[in-house]
């Protein structure tokens, strides 16, 4: 049984649009990853349909590359999901964005040594914040 090229590409287009809408509408990280997977499968389906139309195995080879890329995306995505859930106790991407913007306010860039300056490792007293020293009962070394 052969599916006409137009119908195969139509299904691929509908799947891609479905994945794109899911990616833009949903705020849950897991559903966003599922939407990306749907979009990758739609692209793979388009490659297979086009390859079948011209009788070449190029579409199937490209689909294997897409599957490998999707497997890597799932591994990285799962690691991100575990990290976001561990920090925020939620998988809502808006909460993660709000947390990231509030954390980056207090971030300080490390000092960069000038040319000819020796690079010296900081001592324990230099790496501790004043709050940490006060809670441990330590006094200022100076």
Protein backbone atom coordinates (compact mmCIF):
# COMPACT_ATOMS: atom_id res chain seq x y z
CA UNK A 1 0.00 0.00 0.00
CA UNK A 2 1.39 3.36 -1.04
CA UNK A 3 0.41 6.68 0.46
CA UNK A 4 0.44 9.62 -1.97
CA UNK A 5 3.16 12.18 -1.34
CA UNK A 6 0.67 15.01 -0.84
CA UNK A 7 -1.15 13.17 1.94
CA UNK A 8 2.09 12.19 3.68
CA UNK A 9 3.37 15.76 3.60
CA UNK A 10 -0.02 17.01 4.77
CA UNK A 11 0.14 14.70 7.81
CA UNK A 12 3.71 15.83 8.48
CA UNK A 13 2.65 19.48 8.27
CA UNK A 14 -0.29 18.96 10.62
CA UNK A 15 1.94 17.14 13.12
CA UNK A 16 4.54 19.91 12.94
CA UNK A 17 1.94 22.63 13.51
CA UNK A 18 0.45 20.61 16.37
CA UNK A 19 3.88 20.37 17.99
CA UNK A 20 4.54 24.08 17.43
CA UNK A 21 1.22 25.07 19.00
CA UNK A 22 1.90 22.74 21.93
CA UNK A 23 5.33 24.28 22.40
CA UNK A 24 3.98 27.81 22.41
CA UNK A 25 0.84 27.23 24.50
CA UNK A 26 1.92 24.80 27.24
CA UNK A 27 4.05 26.05 30.15
CA UNK A 28 4.95 22.63 31.58
CA UNK A 29 8.49 21.53 30.67
CA UNK A 30 7.46 17.91 30.05
CA UNK A 31 4.71 18.92 27.61
CA UNK A 32 7.14 21.27 25.88
CA UNK A 33 9.59 18.40 25.37
CA UNK A 34 6.79 16.20 24.03
CA UNK A 35 5.89 18.97 21.57
CA UNK A 36 9.49 19.15 20.35
CA UNK A 37 9.44 15.37 19.85
CA UNK A 38 6.25 15.67 17.77
CA UNK A 39 7.92 18.32 15.62
CA UNK A 40 11.02 16.15 15.11
CA UNK A 41 8.87 13.17 14.14
CA UNK A 42 6.95 15.35 11.68
CA UNK A 43 10.22 16.39 10.03
CA UNK A 44 11.30 12.74 9.90
CA UNK A 45 8.00 11.74 8.32
CA UNK A 46 8.46 14.41 5.67
CA UNK A 47 11.94 13.06 4.87
CA UNK A 48 10.67 9.47 4.62
CA UNK A 49 7.73 10.47 2.39
CA UNK A 50 10.00 12.48 0.09
CA UNK A 51 12.54 9.66 -0.05
CA UNK A 52 9.80 7.14 -0.90
CA UNK A 53 8.51 9.42 -3.66
CA UNK A 54 11.86 9.43 -5.44
CA UNK A 55 12.74 5.84 -4.56
CA UNK A 56 15.85 6.76 -2.59
CA UNK A 57 16.89 5.70 0.90
CA UNK A 58 18.03 9.24 1.74
CA UNK A 59 14.84 10.00 3.64
CA UNK A 60 15.24 6.95 5.83
CA UNK A 61 18.88 7.81 6.53
CA UNK A 62 17.87 11.33 7.53
CA UNK A 63 15.18 9.86 9.79
CA UNK A 64 17.85 7.82 11.58
CA UNK A 65 19.80 11.04 12.20
CA UNK A 66 16.63 12.68 13.49
CA UNK A 67 16.05 9.74 15.84
CA UNK A 68 19.60 10.05 17.17
CA UNK A 69 19.11 13.78 17.70
CA UNK A 70 15.78 13.14 19.42
CA UNK A 71 17.42 10.64 21.77
CA UNK A 72 20.04 13.22 22.72
CA UNK A 73 17.32 15.84 23.18
CA UNK A 74 15.41 13.50 25.51
CA UNK A 75 18.52 12.87 27.62
CA UNK A 76 19.29 16.58 27.99
CA UNK A 77 15.63 17.43 28.46
CA UNK A 78 15.21 14.86 31.21
CA UNK A 79 18.26 16.23 32.99
CA UNK A 80 16.77 19.74 32.76
CA UNK A 81 13.41 18.51 34.05
CA UNK A 82 15.06 16.87 37.06
CA UNK A 83 17.12 20.00 37.76
CA UNK A 84 14.17 22.40 37.43
CA UNK A 85 11.94 20.22 39.60
CA UNK A 86 14.67 19.79 42.20
CA UNK A 87 15.17 23.55 42.53
CA UNK A 88 11.61 24.86 42.10
CA UNK A 89 9.39 21.92 43.14
CA UNK A 90 7.35 22.68 40.01
CA UNK A 91 7.72 22.07 36.28
CA UNK A 92 6.17 25.41 35.29
CA UNK A 93 8.62 27.22 33.03
CA UNK A 94 7.39 30.65 34.17
CA UNK A 95 8.40 29.86 37.75
CA UNK A 96 11.84 28.78 36.57
CA UNK A 97 12.23 32.02 34.58
CA UNK A 98 11.21 34.12 37.59
CA UNK A 99 13.70 32.26 39.78
CA UNK A 100 16.48 32.65 37.22
CA UNK A 101 15.93 36.41 36.93
CA UNK A 102 15.94 36.84 40.73
CA UNK A 103 19.11 34.77 41.15
CA UNK A 104 21.06 36.60 38.45
CA UNK A 105 20.61 39.96 40.23
CA UNK A 106 23.04 39.02 43.01
CA UNK A 107 25.61 37.39 40.73
CA UNK A 108 29.09 38.95 40.67
CA UNK A 109 31.60 38.44 37.91
CA UNK A 110 34.94 37.07 39.11
CA UNK A 111 37.88 39.46 39.02
CA UNK A 112 40.15 39.09 36.02
CA UNK A 113 43.90 39.37 36.53
CA UNK A 114 45.64 42.05 34.47
CA UNK A 115 48.67 41.28 32.31
CA UNK A 116 51.75 40.69 34.47
CA UNK A 117 49.74 40.25 37.69
CA UNK A 118 50.29 36.97 39.52
CA UNK A 119 47.22 34.76 39.86
CA UNK A 120 46.69 33.95 43.53
CA UNK A 121 44.09 31.58 44.92
CA UNK A 122 41.75 33.24 47.41
CA UNK A 123 42.04 32.34 51.06
CA UNK A 124 39.16 30.89 53.08
CA UNK A 125 38.44 34.27 54.65
CA UNK A 126 38.12 35.87 51.19
CA UNK A 127 35.70 33.25 49.87
CA UNK A 128 33.28 33.38 52.81
CA UNK A 129 30.55 35.96 52.82
CA UNK A 130 30.14 38.11 55.96
CA UNK A 131 26.91 36.25 56.72
CA UNK A 132 28.68 32.87 56.78
CA UNK A 133 31.39 34.15 59.14
CA UNK A 134 28.82 35.60 61.54
CA UNK A 135 26.77 32.41 61.72
CA UNK A 136 29.82 30.30 62.54
CA UNK A 137 31.00 32.63 65.28
CA UNK A 138 34.19 33.57 63.43
CA UNK A 139 35.71 36.98 63.80
CA UNK A 140 37.13 39.20 61.11
CA UNK A 141 40.83 38.30 60.59
CA UNK A 142 41.80 41.94 59.97
